[in-house]
């Protein structure tokens, strides 16, 4: 018995170290409550606050012989002729034969609340039989929304990720040389109006529809506000009536509730 007690006393530091290691390991394996929950802002969006798609038609010039064949792409010829006429150059009776121009479609996403003067990225895609947009420059191109209004104007050198090269015996293509981007290539000219201060009702849209999550979000909001103002309408939507003390300050309300944590 004395030998056992003596062994325990000698091994006590090692046993304490082992016990501590086991506690740390078990703590790492067991998920904490913070890890099992998500912020409302990470699992739901405010209905009406989203990006808007823009589209435009333009010309890319300065290509090294890789542009559209004007005989096969009549829209490129018409666009080139119209552009030159607007600049005071009459080419109606001239047989244009250039392969340094390509007709392109320009697309972009307009962020919510983007003010006038903000720069956004654009994607440029060949519309005709151009072989590559490498080295080209997009001329001024208005970008329109679904309502037909111009919201941004794009222009600038096109950056292409792919390339195409060839000779008499073989050719090689890597990536997509007929598609490129212009970083910060468009300037927002018109803002999309959305007055949050005047809202009396907010709707949260779940990114992954689920009845349980929708009800938990409504319960978390009601518990925070201390009153029943939020209800789960369906697996996707939680409707929130803005309380009187938050009227005119919907931004403050969203700032408060988007940090609330719920278990998805």
C-alpha atoms as a PDB file:
ATOM      1  CA  UNK A   1       0.000   0.000   0.000  1.00  0.00           C
ATOM      2  CA  UNK A   2       2.832   2.366   0.899  1.00  0.00           C
ATOM      3  CA  UNK A   3       4.534   1.592  -2.415  1.00  0.00           C
ATOM      4  CA  UNK A   4       1.366   2.511  -4.317  1.00  0.00           C
ATOM      5  CA  UNK A   5       1.033   5.807  -2.439  1.00  0.00           C
ATOM      6  CA  UNK A   6       4.711   6.519  -3.043  1.00  0.00           C
ATOM      7  CA  UNK A   7       4.324   5.808  -6.779  1.00  0.00           C
ATOM      8  CA  UNK A   8       1.283   8.097  -7.013  1.00  0.00           C
ATOM      9  CA  UNK A   9       3.102  10.925  -5.256  1.00  0.00           C
ATOM     10  CA  UNK A  10       6.061  10.618  -7.612  1.00  0.00           C
ATOM     11  CA  UNK A  11       3.848  10.400 -10.715  1.00  0.00           C
ATOM     12  CA  UNK A  12       1.504  13.224  -9.708  1.00  0.00           C
ATOM     13  CA  UNK A  13       2.996  15.883 -12.048  1.00  0.00           C
ATOM     14  CA  UNK A  14       2.798  13.530 -15.018  1.00  0.00           C
ATOM     15  CA  UNK A  15      -0.792  12.572 -14.178  1.00  0.00           C
ATOM     16  CA  UNK A  16      -1.812  16.222 -13.919  1.00  0.00           C
ATOM     17  CA  UNK A  17      -0.211  16.957 -17.283  1.00  0.00           C
ATOM     18  CA  UNK A  18      -2.025  14.006 -18.865  1.00  0.00           C
ATOM     19  CA  UNK A  19      -5.351  15.089 -17.375  1.00  0.00           C
ATOM     20  CA  UNK A  20      -4.867  18.621 -18.683  1.00  0.00           C
ATOM     21  CA  UNK A  21      -4.081  17.338 -22.152  1.00  0.00           C
ATOM     22  CA  UNK A  22      -7.221  15.195 -22.144  1.00  0.00           C
ATOM     23  CA  UNK A  23      -9.345  18.184 -21.123  1.00  0.00           C
ATOM     24  CA  UNK A  24      -7.887  20.342 -23.893  1.00  0.00           C
ATOM     25  CA  UNK A  25      -8.425  17.588 -26.460  1.00  0.00           C
ATOM     26  CA  UNK A  26     -12.017  17.029 -25.393  1.00  0.00           C
ATOM     27  CA  UNK A  27     -12.635  20.772 -25.587  1.00  0.00           C
ATOM     28  CA  UNK A  28     -11.334  20.817 -29.145  1.00  0.00           C
ATOM     29  CA  UNK A  29     -13.484  17.875 -30.189  1.00  0.00           C
ATOM     30  CA  UNK A  30     -16.736  19.117 -28.669  1.00  0.00           C
ATOM     31  CA  UNK A  31     -18.286  21.998 -30.665  1.00  0.00           C
ATOM     32  CA  UNK A  32     -19.029  25.120 -28.695  1.00  0.00           C
ATOM     33  CA  UNK A  33     -22.358  26.906 -28.846  1.00  0.00           C
ATOM     34  CA  UNK A  34     -20.758  29.782 -30.800  1.00  0.00           C
ATOM     35  CA  UNK A  35     -19.532  27.380 -33.481  1.00  0.00           C
ATOM     36  CA  UNK A  36     -22.998  25.821 -33.844  1.00  0.00           C
ATOM     37  CA  UNK A  37     -24.736  29.135 -34.504  1.00  0.00           C
ATOM     38  CA  UNK A  38     -24.650  31.623 -37.358  1.00  0.00           C
ATOM     39  CA  UNK A  39     -25.306  35.319 -37.593  1.00  0.00           C
ATOM     40  CA  UNK A  40     -28.539  36.296 -39.299  1.00  0.00           C
ATOM     41  CA  UNK A  41     -26.565  38.345 -41.841  1.00  0.00           C
ATOM     42  CA  UNK A  42     -24.731  35.171 -42.916  1.00  0.00           C
ATOM     43  CA  UNK A  43     -27.850  33.123 -43.654  1.00  0.00           C
ATOM     44  CA  UNK A  44     -30.407  35.699 -44.832  1.00  0.00           C
ATOM     45  CA  UNK A  45     -30.618  38.753 -47.081  1.00  0.00           C
ATOM     46  CA  UNK A  46     -32.855  41.796 -46.875  1.00  0.00           C
ATOM     47  CA  UNK A  47     -35.404  41.637 -49.662  1.00  0.00           C
ATOM     48  CA  UNK A  48     -34.885  44.444 -52.162  1.00  0.00           C
ATOM     49  CA  UNK A  49     -31.193  44.942 -51.372  1.00  0.00           C
ATOM     50  CA  UNK A  50     -29.344  43.130 -54.146  1.00  0.00           C
ATOM     51  CA  UNK A  51     -27.136  43.555 -57.182  1.00  0.00           C
ATOM     52  CA  UNK A  52     -28.605  44.484 -60.557  1.00  0.00           C
ATOM     53  CA  UNK A  53     -27.344  43.169 -63.884  1.00  0.00           C
ATOM     54  CA  UNK A  54     -26.270  45.592 -66.610  1.00  0.00           C
ATOM     55  CA  UNK A  55     -25.634  44.907 -70.289  1.00  0.00           C
ATOM     56  CA  UNK A  56     -24.347  46.845 -73.264  1.00  0.00           C
ATOM     57  CA  UNK A  57     -23.126  46.478 -76.845  1.00  0.00           C
ATOM     58  CA  UNK A  58     -19.837  47.969 -77.974  1.00  0.00           C
ATOM     59  CA  UNK A  59     -16.727  47.748 -80.108  1.00  0.00           C
ATOM     60  CA  UNK A  60     -13.223  46.635 -79.208  1.00  0.00           C
ATOM     61  CA  UNK A  61     -10.522  48.192 -81.392  1.00  0.00           C
ATOM     62  CA  UNK A  62      -6.756  47.847 -81.661  1.00  0.00           C
ATOM     63  CA  UNK A  63      -6.698  44.085 -82.213  1.00  0.00           C
ATOM     64  CA  UNK A  64      -3.717  42.573 -83.994  1.00  0.00           C
ATOM     65  CA  UNK A  65      -5.576  41.066 -86.928  1.00  0.00           C
ATOM     66  CA  UNK A  66      -7.809  38.932 -84.686  1.00  0.00           C
ATOM     67  CA  UNK A  67     -11.019  40.942 -85.023  1.00  0.00           C
ATOM     68  CA  UNK A  68     -14.284  40.178 -86.796  1.00  0.00           C
ATOM     69  CA  UNK A  69     -14.464  39.496 -90.519  1.00  0.00           C
ATOM     70  CA  UNK A  70     -16.674  42.338 -91.686  1.00  0.00           C
ATOM     71  CA  UNK A  71     -18.145  40.164 -94.440  1.00  0.00           C
ATOM     72  CA  UNK A  72     -19.260  37.545 -91.899  1.00  0.00           C
ATOM     73  CA  UNK A  73     -20.309  39.990 -89.175  1.00  0.00           C
ATOM     74  CA  UNK A  74     -22.529  42.671 -90.738  1.00  0.00           C
ATOM     75  CA  UNK A  75     -23.446  44.085 -87.311  1.00  0.00           C
ATOM     76  CA  UNK A  76     -19.779  44.915 -86.742  1.00  0.00           C
ATOM     77  CA  UNK A  77     -19.630  46.777 -90.058  1.00  0.00           C
ATOM     78  CA  UNK A  78     -22.829  48.699 -89.281  1.00  0.00           C
ATOM     79  CA  UNK A  79     -21.610  49.609 -85.795  1.00  0.00           C
ATOM     80  CA  UNK A  80     -18.226  50.733 -87.094  1.00  0.00           C
ATOM     81  CA  UNK A  81     -19.818  52.857 -89.812  1.00  0.00           C
ATOM     82  CA  UNK A  82     -22.264  54.478 -87.377  1.00  0.00           C
ATOM     83  CA  UNK A  83     -19.514  55.223 -84.860  1.00  0.00           C
ATOM     84  CA  UNK A  84     -17.301  56.869 -87.487  1.00  0.00           C
ATOM     85  CA  UNK A  85     -20.223  58.971 -88.722  1.00  0.00           C
ATOM     86  CA  UNK A  86     -20.886  60.232 -85.189  1.00  0.00           C
ATOM     87  CA  UNK A  87     -17.252  61.303 -85.112  1.00  0.00           C
ATOM     88  CA  UNK A  88     -17.617  63.137 -88.429  1.00  0.00           C
ATOM     89  CA  UNK A  89     -16.110  60.502 -90.724  1.00  0.00           C
ATOM     90  CA  UNK A  90     -18.251  59.471 -93.714  1.00  0.00           C
ATOM     91  CA  UNK A  91     -17.589  55.890 -94.828  1.00  0.00           C
ATOM     92  CA  UNK A  92     -20.914  55.040 -96.482  1.00  0.00           C
ATOM     93  CA  UNK A  93     -19.455  54.637 -99.972  1.00  0.00           C
ATOM     94  CA  UNK A  94     -16.186  53.120 -98.775  1.00  0.00           C
ATOM     95  CA  UNK A  95     -15.373  49.426 -98.781  1.00  0.00           C
ATOM     96  CA  UNK A  96     -14.121  48.919 -95.246  1.00  0.00           C
ATOM     97  CA  UNK A  97     -11.781  45.977 -94.904  1.00  0.00           C
ATOM     98  CA  UNK A  98     -10.288  45.796 -91.439  1.00  0.00           C
ATOM     99  CA  UNK A  99      -9.742  42.927 -89.052  1.00  0.00           C
ATOM    100  CA  UNK A 100      -8.757  44.999 -86.023  1.00  0.00           C
ATOM    101  CA  UNK A 101     -12.310  45.579 -84.722  1.00  0.00           C
ATOM    102  CA  UNK A 102     -14.641  43.207 -82.857  1.00  0.00           C
ATOM    103  CA  UNK A 103     -18.250  43.576 -81.744  1.00  0.00           C
ATOM    104  CA  UNK A 104     -18.692  42.633 -78.087  1.00  0.00           C
ATOM    105  CA  UNK A 105     -21.295  42.316 -75.371  1.00  0.00           C
ATOM    106  CA  UNK A 106     -20.394  44.032 -72.108  1.00  0.00           C
ATOM    107  CA  UNK A 107     -21.915  42.886 -68.817  1.00  0.00           C
ATOM    108  CA  UNK A 108     -21.557  44.065 -65.221  1.00  0.00           C
ATOM    109  CA  UNK A 109     -23.179  43.808 -61.798  1.00  0.00           C
ATOM    110  CA  UNK A 110     -24.303  47.054 -60.195  1.00  0.00           C
ATOM    111  CA  UNK A 111     -23.989  46.742 -56.389  1.00  0.00           C
ATOM    112  CA  UNK A 112     -26.815  47.858 -54.155  1.00  0.00           C
ATOM    113  CA  UNK A 113     -26.556  51.502 -53.051  1.00  0.00           C
ATOM    114  CA  UNK A 114     -23.647  52.173 -55.449  1.00  0.00           C
ATOM    115  CA  UNK A 115     -23.425  55.992 -55.611  1.00  0.00           C
ATOM    116  CA  UNK A 116     -22.780  57.988 -58.749  1.00  0.00           C
ATOM    117  CA  UNK A 117     -19.102  57.918 -59.687  1.00  0.00           C
ATOM    118  CA  UNK A 118     -18.428  54.435 -58.290  1.00  0.00           C
ATOM    119  CA  UNK A 119     -16.270  52.200 -60.486  1.00  0.00           C
ATOM    120  CA  UNK A 120     -17.275  48.589 -61.158  1.00  0.00           C
ATOM    121  CA  UNK A 121     -15.704  45.681 -63.053  1.00  0.00           C
ATOM    122  CA  UNK A 122     -17.049  44.628 -66.449  1.00  0.00           C
ATOM    123  CA  UNK A 123     -16.841  41.475 -68.541  1.00  0.00           C
ATOM    124  CA  UNK A 124     -16.304  41.735 -72.300  1.00  0.00           C
ATOM    125  CA  UNK A 125     -17.338  38.861 -74.608  1.00  0.00           C
ATOM    126  CA  UNK A 126     -16.904  38.619 -78.380  1.00  0.00           C
ATOM    127  CA  UNK A 127     -20.114  38.555 -80.397  1.00  0.00           C
ATOM    128  CA  UNK A 128     -18.790  37.818 -83.889  1.00  0.00           C
ATOM    129  CA  UNK A 129     -16.061  35.567 -85.272  1.00  0.00           C
ATOM    130  CA  UNK A 130     -13.168  37.328 -83.583  1.00  0.00           C
ATOM    131  CA  UNK A 131     -10.283  35.017 -82.705  1.00  0.00           C
ATOM    132  CA  UNK A 132      -9.006  36.975 -79.708  1.00  0.00           C
ATOM    133  CA  UNK A 133      -9.607  40.204 -77.802  1.00  0.00           C
ATOM    134  CA  UNK A 134      -6.038  40.366 -76.553  1.00  0.00           C
ATOM    135  CA  UNK A 135      -4.536  43.834 -76.815  1.00  0.00           C
ATOM    136  CA  UNK A 136      -7.877  45.473 -77.614  1.00  0.00           C
ATOM    137  CA  UNK A 137      -9.516  48.539 -76.108  1.00  0.00           C
ATOM    138  CA  UNK A 138     -13.237  48.833 -75.474  1.00  0.00           C
ATOM    139  CA  UNK A 139     -14.711  52.088 -76.734  1.00  0.00           C
ATOM    140  CA  UNK A 140     -17.299  54.031 -74.726  1.00  0.00           C
ATOM    141  CA  UNK A 141     -20.204  51.642 -74.097  1.00  0.00           C
ATOM    142  CA  UNK A 142     -23.409  52.548 -72.214  1.00  0.00           C
ATOM    143  CA  UNK A 143     -24.595  49.814 -69.835  1.00  0.00           C
ATOM    144  CA  UNK A 144     -28.347  49.479 -69.404  1.00  0.00           C
ATOM    145  CA  UNK A 145     -30.550  47.800 -66.832  1.00  0.00           C
ATOM    146  CA  UNK A 146     -33.656  45.704 -67.411  1.00  0.00           C
ATOM    147  CA  UNK A 147     -35.725  48.906 -67.577  1.00  0.00           C
ATOM    148  CA  UNK A 148     -33.728  50.215 -70.547  1.00  0.00           C
ATOM    149  CA  UNK A 149     -32.141  53.057 -68.580  1.00  0.00           C
ATOM    150  CA  UNK A 150     -28.381  53.684 -68.717  1.00  0.00           C
ATOM    151  CA  UNK A 151     -26.790  53.185 -65.299  1.00  0.00           C
ATOM    152  CA  UNK A 152     -23.076  53.043 -66.147  1.00  0.00           C
ATOM    153  CA  UNK A 153     -20.603  53.744 -68.946  1.00  0.00           C
ATOM    154  CA  UNK A 154     -17.657  51.478 -69.700  1.00  0.00           C
ATOM    155  CA  UNK A 155     -14.357  51.984 -71.519  1.00  0.00           C
ATOM    156  CA  UNK A 156     -10.781  50.758 -71.258  1.00  0.00           C
ATOM    157  CA  UNK A 157      -8.192  48.123 -72.229  1.00  0.00           C
ATOM    158  CA  UNK A 158      -9.389  44.518 -72.130  1.00  0.00           C
ATOM    159  CA  UNK A 159      -7.419  42.008 -70.053  1.00  0.00           C
ATOM    160  CA  UNK A 160      -7.657  38.497 -71.524  1.00  0.00           C
ATOM    161  CA  UNK A 161      -6.754  35.373 -69.558  1.00  0.00           C
ATOM    162  CA  UNK A 162      -6.409  33.024 -72.537  1.00  0.00           C
ATOM    163  CA  UNK A 163      -4.331  33.120 -75.703  1.00  0.00           C
ATOM    164  CA  UNK A 164      -4.290  31.638 -79.167  1.00  0.00           C
ATOM    165  CA  UNK A 165      -1.259  31.066 -81.383  1.00  0.00           C
ATOM    166  CA  UNK A 166      -0.633  29.106 -84.540  1.00  0.00           C
ATOM    167  CA  UNK A 167       1.439  28.596 -87.641  1.00  0.00           C
ATOM    168  CA  UNK A 168       1.328  26.656 -90.895  1.00  0.00           C
ATOM    169  CA  UNK A 169       1.563  23.263 -89.216  1.00  0.00           C
ATOM    170  CA  UNK A 170      -0.236  23.619 -85.896  1.00  0.00           C
ATOM    171  CA  UNK A 171      -2.099  25.950 -83.577  1.00  0.00           C
ATOM    172  CA  UNK A 172      -2.669  26.090 -79.833  1.00  0.00           C
ATOM    173  CA  UNK A 173      -5.321  27.762 -77.681  1.00  0.00           C
ATOM    174  CA  UNK A 174      -5.308  28.125 -73.914  1.00  0.00           C
ATOM    175  CA  UNK A 175      -8.222  29.521 -71.969  1.00  0.00           C
ATOM    176  CA  UNK A 176     -10.853  31.642 -73.724  1.00  0.00           C
ATOM    177  CA  UNK A 177      -9.172  34.490 -75.638  1.00  0.00           C
ATOM    178  CA  UNK A 178     -12.527  35.866 -76.807  1.00  0.00           C
ATOM    179  CA  UNK A 179     -13.578  36.758 -73.258  1.00  0.00           C
ATOM    180  CA  UNK A 180     -11.931  39.334 -71.013  1.00  0.00           C
ATOM    181  CA  UNK A 181     -12.403  41.750 -68.140  1.00  0.00           C
ATOM    182  CA  UNK A 182     -11.794  45.400 -67.414  1.00  0.00           C
ATOM    183  CA  UNK A 183     -11.081  46.011 -63.752  1.00  0.00           C
ATOM    184  CA  UNK A 184     -12.910  49.145 -62.589  1.00  0.00           C
ATOM    185  CA  UNK A 185     -13.820  49.593 -66.235  1.00  0.00           C
ATOM    186  CA  UNK A 186     -17.218  51.242 -65.779  1.00  0.00           C
ATOM    187  CA  UNK A 187     -18.374  54.366 -63.966  1.00  0.00           C
ATOM    188  CA  UNK A 188     -21.819  54.448 -62.365  1.00  0.00           C
ATOM    189  CA  UNK A 189     -23.820  57.336 -63.833  1.00  0.00           C
ATOM    190  CA  UNK A 190     -27.206  56.703 -62.217  1.00  0.00           C
ATOM    191  CA  UNK A 191     -28.098  55.462 -58.745  1.00  0.00           C
ATOM    192  CA  UNK A 192     -30.882  52.985 -58.058  1.00  0.00           C
ATOM    193  CA  UNK A 193     -33.150  54.678 -55.541  1.00  0.00           C
ATOM    194  CA  UNK A 194     -34.083  52.656 -52.466  1.00  0.00           C
ATOM    195  CA  UNK A 195     -35.250  54.632 -49.442  1.00  0.00           C
ATOM    196  CA  UNK A 196     -34.840  52.448 -46.373  1.00  0.00           C
ATOM    197  CA  UNK A 197     -35.747  55.204 -43.935  1.00  0.00           C
ATOM    198  CA  UNK A 198     -39.362  55.253 -45.146  1.00  0.00           C
ATOM    199  CA  UNK A 199     -39.912  51.508 -44.845  1.00  0.00           C
ATOM    200  CA  UNK A 200     -42.474  50.235 -42.361  1.00  0.00           C
ATOM    201  CA  UNK A 201     -41.904  46.576 -43.145  1.00  0.00           C
ATOM    202  CA  UNK A 202     -38.783  44.500 -43.741  1.00  0.00           C
ATOM    203  CA  UNK A 203     -38.607  41.048 -45.272  1.00  0.00           C
ATOM    204  CA  UNK A 204     -35.646  38.731 -44.736  1.00  0.00           C
ATOM    205  CA  UNK A 205     -35.034  36.090 -47.414  1.00  0.00           C
ATOM    206  CA  UNK A 206     -33.226  32.930 -46.295  1.00  0.00           C
ATOM    207  CA  UNK A 207     -30.480  31.765 -48.625  1.00  0.00           C
ATOM    208  CA  UNK A 208     -31.297  28.132 -47.801  1.00  0.00           C
ATOM    209  CA  UNK A 209     -35.065  27.862 -47.225  1.00  0.00           C
ATOM    210  CA  UNK A 210     -35.961  26.031 -44.021  1.00  0.00           C
ATOM    211  CA  UNK A 211     -39.034  26.298 -41.792  1.00  0.00           C
ATOM    212  CA  UNK A 212     -37.137  25.690 -38.563  1.00  0.00           C
ATOM    213  CA  UNK A 213     -34.467  28.278 -39.339  1.00  0.00           C
ATOM    214  CA  UNK A 214     -37.089  30.850 -40.355  1.00  0.00           C
ATOM    215  CA  UNK A 215     -38.950  30.371 -37.072  1.00  0.00           C
ATOM    216  CA  UNK A 216     -35.721  30.594 -35.062  1.00  0.00           C
ATOM    217  CA  UNK A 217     -34.792  33.848 -36.791  1.00  0.00           C
ATOM    218  CA  UNK A 218     -38.212  35.311 -35.967  1.00  0.00           C
ATOM    219  CA  UNK A 219     -37.912  34.154 -32.350  1.00  0.00           C
ATOM    220  CA  UNK A 220     -34.418  35.653 -31.997  1.00  0.00           C
ATOM    221  CA  UNK A 221     -35.591  39.010 -33.357  1.00  0.00           C
ATOM    222  CA  UNK A 222     -38.656  39.060 -31.099  1.00  0.00           C
ATOM    223  CA  UNK A 223     -36.544  38.189 -28.058  1.00  0.00           C
ATOM    224  CA  UNK A 224     -34.105  40.993 -28.873  1.00  0.00           C
ATOM    225  CA  UNK A 225     -36.820  43.605 -29.415  1.00  0.00           C
ATOM    226  CA  UNK A 226     -38.917  42.409 -26.498  1.00  0.00           C
ATOM    227  CA  UNK A 227     -42.102  42.239 -28.554  1.00  0.00           C
ATOM    228  CA  UNK A 228     -43.692  40.109 -31.258  1.00  0.00           C
ATOM    229  CA  UNK A 229     -42.828  41.958 -34.463  1.00  0.00           C
ATOM    230  CA  UNK A 230     -41.283  39.216 -36.629  1.00  0.00           C
ATOM    231  CA  UNK A 231     -43.100  36.229 -38.092  1.00  0.00           C
ATOM    232  CA  UNK A 232     -41.991  33.392 -40.358  1.00  0.00           C
ATOM    233  CA  UNK A 233     -44.199  33.612 -43.443  1.00  0.00           C
ATOM    234  CA  UNK A 234     -42.794  30.528 -45.182  1.00  0.00           C
ATOM    235  CA  UNK A 235     -39.504  28.562 -45.360  1.00  0.00           C
ATOM    236  CA  UNK A 236     -37.889  31.454 -47.232  1.00  0.00           C
ATOM    237  CA  UNK A 237     -39.309  34.662 -45.775  1.00  0.00           C
ATOM    238  CA  UNK A 238     -39.342  36.271 -42.336  1.00  0.00           C
ATOM    239  CA  UNK A 239     -41.471  39.414 -42.158  1.00  0.00           C
ATOM    240  CA  UNK A 240     -40.562  42.128 -39.679  1.00  0.00           C
ATOM    241  CA  UNK A 241     -42.703  45.127 -38.767  1.00  0.00           C
ATOM    242  CA  UNK A 242     -40.420  48.012 -37.836  1.00  0.00           C
ATOM    243  CA  UNK A 243     -41.127  49.116 -34.225  1.00  0.00           C
ATOM    244  CA  UNK A 244     -42.070  52.715 -33.534  1.00  0.00           C
ATOM    245  CA  UNK A 245     -38.735  53.468 -31.861  1.00  0.00           C
ATOM    246  CA  UNK A 246     -36.918  52.437 -35.063  1.00  0.00           C
ATOM    247  CA  UNK A 247     -39.131  54.326 -37.525  1.00  0.00           C
ATOM    248  CA  UNK A 248     -36.949  56.375 -39.843  1.00  0.00           C
ATOM    249  CA  UNK A 249     -33.842  54.481 -38.699  1.00  0.00           C
ATOM    250  CA  UNK A 250     -34.246  51.108 -40.407  1.00  0.00           C
ATOM    251  CA  UNK A 251     -30.481  50.965 -40.890  1.00  0.00           C
ATOM    252  CA  UNK A 252     -29.985  50.949 -37.119  1.00  0.00           C
ATOM    253  CA  UNK A 253     -32.515  48.141 -36.771  1.00  0.00           C
ATOM    254  CA  UNK A 254     -30.798  46.022 -39.427  1.00  0.00           C
ATOM    255  CA  UNK A 255     -27.415  46.673 -37.837  1.00  0.00           C
ATOM    256  CA  UNK A 256     -28.745  45.358 -34.534  1.00  0.00           C
ATOM    257  CA  UNK A 257     -30.572  42.259 -35.745  1.00  0.00           C
ATOM    258  CA  UNK A 258     -28.044  41.079 -38.340  1.00  0.00           C
ATOM    259  CA  UNK A 259     -25.584  40.319 -35.525  1.00  0.00           C
ATOM    260  CA  UNK A 260     -28.050  38.059 -33.698  1.00  0.00           C
ATOM    261  CA  UNK A 261     -27.064  34.397 -33.699  1.00  0.00           C
ATOM    262  CA  UNK A 262     -29.379  31.496 -34.444  1.00  0.00           C
ATOM    263  CA  UNK A 263     -28.912  27.784 -34.923  1.00  0.00           C
ATOM    264  CA  UNK A 264     -29.583  26.926 -38.596  1.00  0.00           C
END
